[in-house]
Amino acid sequence: MNSELCKKALEKVKNPNILVNLVSKRVRQLNSGGGSMSRPLVEASPSASMADIALMEIIEGKITYELPPETEVLTGDVKHHKRRKAS
């Protein structure tokens, strides 16, 4: 996997765990063969790996994601409230 592509994709996704899941799922789709989901959505060199293709698709905005509202707490997208000290 190209480290420069990883950095650029991480700027888009912000969460490395989500990025890994997006790339993993897309690589499975690309390797599955047949159907429109198994064709790359970007121009790539013949020597590019499936992971690099998935990263390029994320960078170019061809692949996006949306988190369900209940996962915002787990990913830190919700404002944190200060805890009160016990008296």
PDB file of N, CA and C in Angstrom:
ATOM      1  N   MET A   1       0.837  -1.171   0.000  1.00  0.00           N
ATOM      2  CA  MET A   1       0.000   0.000   0.000  1.00  0.00           C
ATOM      3  C   MET A   1       0.887   1.241   0.000  1.00  0.00           C
ATOM      4  N   ASN A   2       0.520   2.192  -0.772  1.00  0.00           N
ATOM      5  CA  ASN A   2       1.271   3.429  -0.921  1.00  0.00           C
ATOM      6  C   ASN A   2       1.025   4.326   0.300  1.00  0.00           C
ATOM      7  N   SER A   3       2.100   4.679   1.011  1.00  0.00           N
ATOM      8  CA  SER A   3       1.955   5.468   2.236  1.00  0.00           C
ATOM      9  C   SER A   3       1.445   6.877   1.958  1.00  0.00           C
ATOM     10  N   GLU A   4       1.807   7.438   0.825  1.00  0.00           N
ATOM     11  CA  GLU A   4       1.337   8.779   0.468  1.00  0.00           C
ATOM     12  C   GLU A   4      -0.181   8.764   0.238  1.00  0.00           C
ATOM     13  N   LEU A   5      -0.678   7.724  -0.406  1.00  0.00           N
ATOM     14  CA  LEU A   5      -2.124   7.592  -0.606  1.00  0.00           C
ATOM     15  C   LEU A   5      -2.834   7.422   0.732  1.00  0.00           C
ATOM     16  N   CYS A   6      -2.225   6.671   1.635  1.00  0.00           N
ATOM     17  CA  CYS A   6      -2.810   6.478   2.972  1.00  0.00           C
ATOM     18  C   CYS A   6      -2.963   7.810   3.695  1.00  0.00           C
ATOM     19  N   LYS A   7      -1.945   8.637   3.645  1.00  0.00           N
ATOM     20  CA  LYS A   7      -1.987   9.945   4.314  1.00  0.00           C
ATOM     21  C   LYS A   7      -3.089  10.823   3.728  1.00  0.00           C
ATOM     22  N   LYS A   8      -3.190  10.843   2.403  1.00  0.00           N
ATOM     23  CA  LYS A   8      -4.204  11.666   1.752  1.00  0.00           C
ATOM     24  C   LYS A   8      -5.617  11.161   2.071  1.00  0.00           C
ATOM     25  N   ALA A   9      -5.792   9.842   2.078  1.00  0.00           N
ATOM     26  CA  ALA A   9      -7.101   9.266   2.381  1.00  0.00           C
ATOM     27  C   ALA A   9      -7.473   9.518   3.839  1.00  0.00           C
ATOM     28  N   LEU A  10      -6.489   9.479   4.727  1.00  0.00           N
ATOM     29  CA  LEU A  10      -6.749   9.730   6.142  1.00  0.00           C
ATOM     30  C   LEU A  10      -7.177  11.180   6.373  1.00  0.00           C
ATOM     31  N   GLU A  11      -6.701  12.101   5.551  1.00  0.00           N
ATOM     32  CA  GLU A  11      -7.149  13.493   5.645  1.00  0.00           C
ATOM     33  C   GLU A  11      -8.641  13.608   5.323  1.00  0.00           C
ATOM     34  N   LYS A  12      -9.127  12.750   4.437  1.00  0.00           N
ATOM     35  CA  LYS A  12     -10.543  12.753   4.063  1.00  0.00           C
ATOM     36  C   LYS A  12     -11.406  12.073   5.124  1.00  0.00           C
ATOM     37  N   VAL A  13     -10.941  10.921   5.608  1.00  0.00           N
ATOM     38  CA  VAL A  13     -11.751  10.094   6.499  1.00  0.00           C
ATOM     39  C   VAL A  13     -11.591  10.482   7.971  1.00  0.00           C
ATOM     40  N   LYS A  14     -10.417  10.916   8.369  1.00  0.00           N
ATOM     41  CA  LYS A  14     -10.090  11.388   9.717  1.00  0.00           C
ATOM     42  C   LYS A  14      -9.865  10.279  10.752  1.00  0.00           C
ATOM     43  N   ASN A  15     -10.506   9.146  10.616  1.00  0.00           N
ATOM     44  CA  ASN A  15     -10.387   8.068  11.596  1.00  0.00           C
ATOM     45  C   ASN A  15      -9.702   6.874  10.947  1.00  0.00           C
ATOM     46  N   PRO A  16      -8.523   6.460  11.453  1.00  0.00           N
ATOM     47  CA  PRO A  16      -7.802   5.350  10.812  1.00  0.00           C
ATOM     48  C   PRO A  16      -8.556   4.028  10.839  1.00  0.00           C
ATOM     49  N   ASN A  17      -9.356   3.806  11.873  1.00  0.00           N
ATOM     50  CA  ASN A  17     -10.122   2.559  11.942  1.00  0.00           C
ATOM     51  C   ASN A  17     -11.189   2.508  10.850  1.00  0.00           C
ATOM     52  N   ILE A  18     -11.832   3.618  10.620  1.00  0.00           N
ATOM     53  CA  ILE A  18     -12.845   3.682   9.564  1.00  0.00           C
ATOM     54  C   ILE A  18     -12.178   3.535   8.204  1.00  0.00           C
ATOM     55  N   LEU A  19     -11.020   4.160   8.034  1.00  0.00           N
ATOM     56  CA  LEU A  19     -10.295   4.050   6.765  1.00  0.00           C
ATOM     57  C   LEU A  19      -9.946   2.595   6.461  1.00  0.00           C
ATOM     58  N   VAL A  20      -9.453   1.878   7.451  1.00  0.00           N
ATOM     59  CA  VAL A  20      -9.107   0.464   7.258  1.00  0.00           C
ATOM     60  C   VAL A  20     -10.343  -0.328   6.841  1.00  0.00           C
ATOM     61  N   ASN A  21     -11.470  -0.064   7.487  1.00  0.00           N
ATOM     62  CA  ASN A  21     -12.696  -0.783   7.140  1.00  0.00           C
ATOM     63  C   ASN A  21     -13.184  -0.443   5.738  1.00  0.00           C
ATOM     64  N   LEU A  22     -13.097   0.822   5.357  1.00  0.00           N
ATOM     65  CA  LEU A  22     -13.509   1.221   4.002  1.00  0.00           C
ATOM     66  C   LEU A  22     -12.642   0.554   2.940  1.00  0.00           C
ATOM     67  N   VAL A  23     -11.328   0.605   3.142  1.00  0.00           N
ATOM     68  CA  VAL A  23     -10.406   0.002   2.171  1.00  0.00           C
ATOM     69  C   VAL A  23     -10.628  -1.502   2.097  1.00  0.00           C
ATOM     70  N   SER A  24     -10.767  -2.137   3.247  1.00  0.00           N
ATOM     71  CA  SER A  24     -10.964  -3.589   3.286  1.00  0.00           C
ATOM     72  C   SER A  24     -12.225  -4.014   2.530  1.00  0.00           C
ATOM     73  N   LYS A  25     -13.313  -3.312   2.800  1.00  0.00           N
ATOM     74  CA  LYS A  25     -14.572  -3.644   2.124  1.00  0.00           C
ATOM     75  C   LYS A  25     -14.466  -3.418   0.618  1.00  0.00           C
ATOM     76  N   ARG A  26     -13.834  -2.321   0.230  1.00  0.00           N
ATOM     77  CA  ARG A  26     -13.720  -2.013  -1.207  1.00  0.00           C
ATOM     78  C   ARG A  26     -12.805  -3.010  -1.913  1.00  0.00           C
ATOM     79  N   VAL A  27     -11.724  -3.429  -1.264  1.00  0.00           N
ATOM     80  CA  VAL A  27     -10.832  -4.429  -1.860  1.00  0.00           C
ATOM     81  C   VAL A  27     -11.592  -5.742  -2.072  1.00  0.00           C
ATOM     82  N   ARG A  28     -12.426  -6.129  -1.112  1.00  0.00           N
ATOM     83  CA  ARG A  28     -13.238  -7.346  -1.288  1.00  0.00           C
ATOM     84  C   ARG A  28     -14.160  -7.202  -2.489  1.00  0.00           C
ATOM     85  N   GLN A  29     -14.771  -6.008  -2.639  1.00  0.00           N
ATOM     86  CA  GLN A  29     -15.654  -5.780  -3.787  1.00  0.00           C
ATOM     87  C   GLN A  29     -14.879  -5.862  -5.096  1.00  0.00           C
ATOM     88  N   LEU A  30     -13.700  -5.242  -5.142  1.00  0.00           N
ATOM     89  CA  LEU A  30     -12.901  -5.250  -6.371  1.00  0.00           C
ATOM     90  C   LEU A  30     -12.428  -6.655  -6.725  1.00  0.00           C
ATOM     91  N   ASN A  31     -12.129  -7.459  -5.728  1.00  0.00           N
ATOM     92  CA  ASN A  31     -11.663  -8.826  -5.970  1.00  0.00           C
ATOM     93  C   ASN A  31     -12.779  -9.805  -6.274  1.00  0.00           C
ATOM     94  N   SER A  32     -14.029  -9.422  -6.013  1.00  0.00           N
ATOM     95  CA  SER A  32     -15.138 -10.367  -6.175  1.00  0.00           C
ATOM     96  C   SER A  32     -15.401 -10.732  -7.623  1.00  0.00           C
ATOM     97  N   GLY A  33     -15.068  -9.850  -8.557  1.00  0.00           N
ATOM     98  CA  GLY A  33     -15.270 -10.134  -9.974  1.00  0.00           C
ATOM     99  C   GLY A  33     -16.736 -10.059 -10.349  1.00  0.00           C
ATOM    100  N   GLY A  34     -16.999  -9.681 -11.583  1.00  0.00           N
ATOM    101  CA  GLY A  34     -18.374  -9.598 -12.065  1.00  0.00           C
ATOM    102  C   GLY A  34     -19.138  -8.453 -11.421  1.00  0.00           C
ATOM    103  N   GLY A  35     -20.065  -7.892 -12.140  1.00  0.00           N
ATOM    104  CA  GLY A  35     -20.893  -6.816 -11.600  1.00  0.00           C
ATOM    105  C   GLY A  35     -20.196  -5.467 -11.648  1.00  0.00           C
ATOM    106  N   SER A  36     -20.997  -4.426 -11.529  1.00  0.00           N
ATOM    107  CA  SER A  36     -20.455  -3.074 -11.642  1.00  0.00           C
ATOM    108  C   SER A  36     -19.636  -2.659 -10.427  1.00  0.00           C
ATOM    109  N   MET A  37     -19.861  -3.254  -9.255  1.00  0.00           N
ATOM    110  CA  MET A  37     -19.127  -2.879  -8.047  1.00  0.00           C
ATOM    111  C   MET A  37     -17.690  -3.404  -8.058  1.00  0.00           C
ATOM    112  N   SER A  38     -17.381  -4.327  -8.941  1.00  0.00           N
ATOM    113  CA  SER A  38     -16.031  -4.887  -8.966  1.00  0.00           C
ATOM    114  C   SER A  38     -15.106  -4.165  -9.939  1.00  0.00           C
ATOM    115  N   ARG A  39     -15.604  -3.098 -10.587  1.00  0.00           N
ATOM    116  CA  ARG A  39     -14.771  -2.314 -11.490  1.00  0.00           C
ATOM    117  C   ARG A  39     -14.274  -1.066 -10.778  1.00  0.00           C
ATOM    118  N   PRO A  40     -13.001  -0.716 -10.956  1.00  0.00           N
ATOM    119  CA  PRO A  40     -12.472   0.501 -10.325  1.00  0.00           C
ATOM    120  C   PRO A  40     -13.230   1.745 -10.788  1.00  0.00           C
ATOM    121  N   LEU A  41     -13.400   2.692  -9.873  1.00  0.00           N
ATOM    122  CA  LEU A  41     -14.099   3.938 -10.173  1.00  0.00           C
ATOM    123  C   LEU A  41     -13.138   5.044 -10.580  1.00  0.00           C
ATOM    124  N   VAL A  42     -11.837   4.732 -10.614  1.00  0.00           N
ATOM    125  CA  VAL A  42     -10.801   5.701 -10.988  1.00  0.00           C
ATOM    126  C   VAL A  42      -9.855   5.061 -11.990  1.00  0.00           C
ATOM    127  N   GLU A  43      -9.142   5.903 -12.708  1.00  0.00           N
ATOM    128  CA  GLU A  43      -8.097   5.409 -13.612  1.00  0.00           C
ATOM    129  C   GLU A  43      -6.897   5.001 -12.761  1.00  0.00           C
ATOM    130  N   ALA A  44      -6.394   3.801 -12.979  1.00  0.00           N
ATOM    131  CA  ALA A  44      -5.247   3.328 -12.204  1.00  0.00           C
ATOM    132  C   ALA A  44      -4.307   2.570 -13.129  1.00  0.00           C
ATOM    133  N   SER A  45      -3.039   2.607 -12.793  1.00  0.00           N
ATOM    134  CA  SER A  45      -2.057   1.866 -13.588  1.00  0.00           C
ATOM    135  C   SER A  45      -2.275   0.373 -13.387  1.00  0.00           C
ATOM    136  N   PRO A  46      -1.902  -0.437 -14.365  1.00  0.00           N
ATOM    137  CA  PRO A  46      -2.075  -1.887 -14.237  1.00  0.00           C
ATOM    138  C   PRO A  46      -1.302  -2.487 -13.056  1.00  0.00           C
ATOM    139  N   SER A  47      -0.260  -1.786 -12.611  1.00  0.00           N
ATOM    140  CA  SER A  47       0.531  -2.315 -11.496  1.00  0.00           C
ATOM    141  C   SER A  47      -0.003  -1.885 -10.126  1.00  0.00           C
ATOM    142  N   ALA A  48      -1.042  -1.041 -10.091  1.00  0.00           N
ATOM    143  CA  ALA A  48      -1.604  -0.586  -8.814  1.00  0.00           C
ATOM    144  C   ALA A  48      -2.294  -1.732  -8.091  1.00  0.00           C
ATOM    145  N   SER A  49      -2.078  -1.800  -6.783  1.00  0.00           N
ATOM    146  CA  SER A  49      -2.739  -2.841  -5.990  1.00  0.00           C
ATOM    147  C   SER A  49      -4.207  -2.460  -5.785  1.00  0.00           C
ATOM    148  N   MET A  50      -5.007  -3.438  -5.384  1.00  0.00           N
ATOM    149  CA  MET A  50      -6.421  -3.171  -5.125  1.00  0.00           C
ATOM    150  C   MET A  50      -6.572  -2.176  -3.974  1.00  0.00           C
ATOM    151  N   ALA A  51      -5.694  -2.261  -2.976  1.00  0.00           N
ATOM    152  CA  ALA A  51      -5.743  -1.319  -1.851  1.00  0.00           C
ATOM    153  C   ALA A  51      -5.443   0.094  -2.322  1.00  0.00           C
ATOM    154  N   ASP A  52      -4.480   0.250  -3.219  1.00  0.00           N
ATOM    155  CA  ASP A  52      -4.161   1.579  -3.754  1.00  0.00           C
ATOM    156  C   ASP A  52      -5.332   2.138  -4.559  1.00  0.00           C
ATOM    157  N   ILE A  53      -6.000   1.278  -5.307  1.00  0.00           N
ATOM    158  CA  ILE A  53      -7.178   1.712  -6.069  1.00  0.00           C
ATOM    159  C   ILE A  53      -8.265   2.179  -5.115  1.00  0.00           C
ATOM    160  N   ALA A  54      -8.499   1.422  -4.050  1.00  0.00           N
ATOM    161  CA  ALA A  54      -9.507   1.800  -3.058  1.00  0.00           C
ATOM    162  C   ALA A  54      -9.154   3.146  -2.417  1.00  0.00           C
ATOM    163  N   LEU A  55      -7.883   3.342  -2.089  1.00  0.00           N
ATOM    164  CA  LEU A  55      -7.444   4.611  -1.497  1.00  0.00           C
ATOM    165  C   LEU A  55      -7.650   5.771  -2.468  1.00  0.00           C
ATOM    166  N   MET A  56      -7.324   5.559  -3.750  1.00  0.00           N
ATOM    167  CA  MET A  56      -7.524   6.609  -4.749  1.00  0.00           C
ATOM    168  C   MET A  56      -9.006   6.951  -4.887  1.00  0.00           C
ATOM    169  N   GLU A  57      -9.861   5.951  -4.812  1.00  0.00           N
ATOM    170  CA  GLU A  57     -11.305   6.190  -4.895  1.00  0.00           C
ATOM    171  C   GLU A  57     -11.779   7.038  -3.713  1.00  0.00           C
ATOM    172  N   ILE A  58     -11.236   6.779  -2.539  1.00  0.00           N
ATOM    173  CA  ILE A  58     -11.596   7.559  -1.355  1.00  0.00           C
ATOM    174  C   ILE A  58     -11.094   8.994  -1.499  1.00  0.00           C
ATOM    175  N   ILE A  59      -9.848   9.144  -1.937  1.00  0.00           N
ATOM    176  CA  ILE A  59      -9.247  10.471  -2.103  1.00  0.00           C
ATOM    177  C   ILE A  59     -10.044  11.314  -3.095  1.00  0.00           C
ATOM    178  N   GLU A  60     -10.472  10.696  -4.186  1.00  0.00           N
ATOM    179  CA  GLU A  60     -11.203  11.422  -5.235  1.00  0.00           C
ATOM    180  C   GLU A  60     -12.695  11.578  -4.926  1.00  0.00           C
ATOM    181  N   GLY A  61     -13.123  11.095  -3.770  1.00  0.00           N
ATOM    182  CA  GLY A  61     -14.520  11.260  -3.368  1.00  0.00           C
ATOM    183  C   GLY A  61     -15.489  10.314  -4.047  1.00  0.00           C
ATOM    184  N   LYS A  62     -14.970   9.266  -4.668  1.00  0.00           N
ATOM    185  CA  LYS A  62     -15.832   8.284  -5.335  1.00  0.00           C
ATOM    186  C   LYS A  62     -16.479   7.349  -4.318  1.00  0.00           C
ATOM    187  N   ILE A  63     -15.838   7.210  -3.160  1.00  0.00           N
ATOM    188  CA  ILE A  63     -16.352   6.360  -2.090  1.00  0.00           C
ATOM    189  C   ILE A  63     -16.481   7.230  -0.846  1.00  0.00           C
ATOM    190  N   THR A  64     -17.653   7.195  -0.246  1.00  0.00           N
ATOM    191  CA  THR A  64     -17.892   7.954   0.974  1.00  0.00           C
ATOM    192  C   THR A  64     -18.497   7.026   2.019  1.00  0.00           C
ATOM    193  N   TYR A  65     -18.699   7.543   3.194  1.00  0.00           N
ATOM    194  CA  TYR A  65     -19.323   6.771   4.258  1.00  0.00           C
ATOM    195  C   TYR A  65     -20.148   7.701   5.132  1.00  0.00           C
ATOM    196  N   GLU A  66     -21.044   7.113   5.887  1.00  0.00           N
ATOM    197  CA  GLU A  66     -21.854   7.873   6.826  1.00  0.00           C
ATOM    198  C   GLU A  66     -22.016   7.034   8.078  1.00  0.00           C
ATOM    199  N   LEU A  67     -21.744   7.634   9.220  1.00  0.00           N
ATOM    200  CA  LEU A  67     -21.888   6.932  10.485  1.00  0.00           C
ATOM    201  C   LEU A  67     -23.299   7.091  11.019  1.00  0.00           C
ATOM    202  N   PRO A  68     -23.859   6.019  11.575  1.00  0.00           N
ATOM    203  CA  PRO A  68     -25.154   6.163  12.240  1.00  0.00           C
ATOM    204  C   PRO A  68     -24.998   7.085  13.454  1.00  0.00           C
ATOM    205  N   PRO A  69     -26.046   7.818  13.842  1.00  0.00           N
ATOM    206  CA  PRO A  69     -25.939   8.782  14.945  1.00  0.00           C
ATOM    207  C   PRO A  69     -25.419   8.177  16.247  1.00  0.00           C
ATOM    208  N   GLU A  70     -25.768   6.945  16.551  1.00  0.00           N
ATOM    209  CA  GLU A  70     -25.349   6.355  17.820  1.00  0.00           C
ATOM    210  C   GLU A  70     -23.850   6.078  17.883  1.00  0.00           C
ATOM    211  N   THR A  71     -23.152   6.057  16.749  1.00  0.00           N
ATOM    212  CA  THR A  71     -21.704   5.822  16.766  1.00  0.00           C
ATOM    213  C   THR A  71     -20.907   7.094  16.960  1.00  0.00           C
ATOM    214  N   GLU A  72     -21.562   8.249  16.921  1.00  0.00           N
ATOM    215  CA  GLU A  72     -20.849   9.501  17.122  1.00  0.00           C
ATOM    216  C   GLU A  72     -20.174   9.543  18.485  1.00  0.00           C
ATOM    217  N   VAL A  73     -20.810   8.963  19.481  1.00  0.00           N
ATOM    218  CA  VAL A  73     -20.242   8.934  20.829  1.00  0.00           C
ATOM    219  C   VAL A  73     -18.963   8.108  20.828  1.00  0.00           C
ATOM    220  N   LEU A  74     -18.953   7.019  20.096  1.00  0.00           N
ATOM    221  CA  LEU A  74     -17.791   6.134  20.063  1.00  0.00           C
ATOM    222  C   LEU A  74     -16.621   6.737  19.296  1.00  0.00           C
ATOM    223  N   THR A  75     -16.884   7.558  18.305  1.00  0.00           N
ATOM    224  CA  THR A  75     -15.816   8.122  17.495  1.00  0.00           C
ATOM    225  C   THR A  75     -15.369   9.496  17.965  1.00  0.00           C
ATOM    226  N   GLY A  76     -16.027  10.053  18.973  1.00  0.00           N
ATOM    227  CA  GLY A  76     -15.620  11.337  19.516  1.00  0.00           C
ATOM    228  C   GLY A  76     -16.143  12.529  18.745  1.00  0.00           C
ATOM    229  N   ASP A  77     -17.207  12.361  17.964  1.00  0.00           N
ATOM    230  CA  ASP A  77     -17.758  13.462  17.182  1.00  0.00           C
ATOM    231  C   ASP A  77     -18.772  14.296  17.964  1.00  0.00           C
ATOM    232  N   VAL A  78     -18.965  13.979  19.237  1.00  0.00           N
ATOM    233  CA  VAL A  78     -19.923  14.687  20.066  1.00  0.00           C
ATOM    234  C   VAL A  78     -19.156  15.529  21.072  1.00  0.00           C
ATOM    235  N   LYS A  79     -19.674  16.705  21.385  1.00  0.00           N
ATOM    236  CA  LYS A  79     -19.013  17.553  22.367  1.00  0.00           C
ATOM    237  C   LYS A  79     -18.977  16.841  23.713  1.00  0.00           C
ATOM    238  N   HIS A  80     -17.833  16.913  24.368  1.00  0.00           N
ATOM    239  CA  HIS A  80     -17.672  16.254  25.659  1.00  0.00           C
ATOM    240  C   HIS A  80     -18.092  17.200  26.782  1.00  0.00           C
ATOM    241  N   HIS A  81     -18.758  16.657  27.761  1.00  0.00           N
ATOM    242  CA  HIS A  81     -19.168  17.424  28.922  1.00  0.00           C
ATOM    243  C   HIS A  81     -18.201  17.143  30.059  1.00  0.00           C
ATOM    244  N   LYS A  82     -17.882  18.180  30.816  1.00  0.00           N
ATOM    245  CA  LYS A  82     -16.984  18.001  31.961  1.00  0.00           C
ATOM    246  C   LYS A  82     -17.734  17.276  33.064  1.00  0.00           C
ATOM    247  N   ARG A  83     -17.025  16.368  33.707  1.00  0.00           N
ATOM    248  CA  ARG A  83     -17.631  15.646  34.833  1.00  0.00           C
ATOM    249  C   ARG A  83     -17.505  16.492  36.095  1.00  0.00           C
ATOM    250  N   ARG A  84     -18.510  16.400  36.915  1.00  0.00           N
ATOM    251  CA  ARG A  84     -18.462  17.107  38.186  1.00  0.00           C
ATOM    252  C   ARG A  84     -17.659  16.283  39.180  1.00  0.00           C
ATOM    253  N   LYS A  85     -16.904  16.967  39.991  1.00  0.00           N
ATOM    254  CA  LYS A  85     -16.151  16.276  41.025  1.00  0.00           C
ATOM    255  C   LYS A  85     -17.098  15.908  42.158  1.00  0.00           C
ATOM    256  N   ALA A  86     -16.865  14.738  42.715  1.00  0.00           N
ATOM    257  CA  ALA A  86     -17.678  14.299  43.852  1.00  0.00           C
ATOM    258  C   ALA A  86     -17.329  15.151  45.064  1.00  0.00           C
ATOM    259  N   SER A  87     -18.366  15.586  45.803  1.00  0.00           N
ATOM    260  CA  SER A  87     -18.097  16.416  46.964  1.00  0.00           C
ATOM    261  C   SER A  87     -18.043  15.606  48.222  1.00  0.00           C
TER     262      SER A  87
END
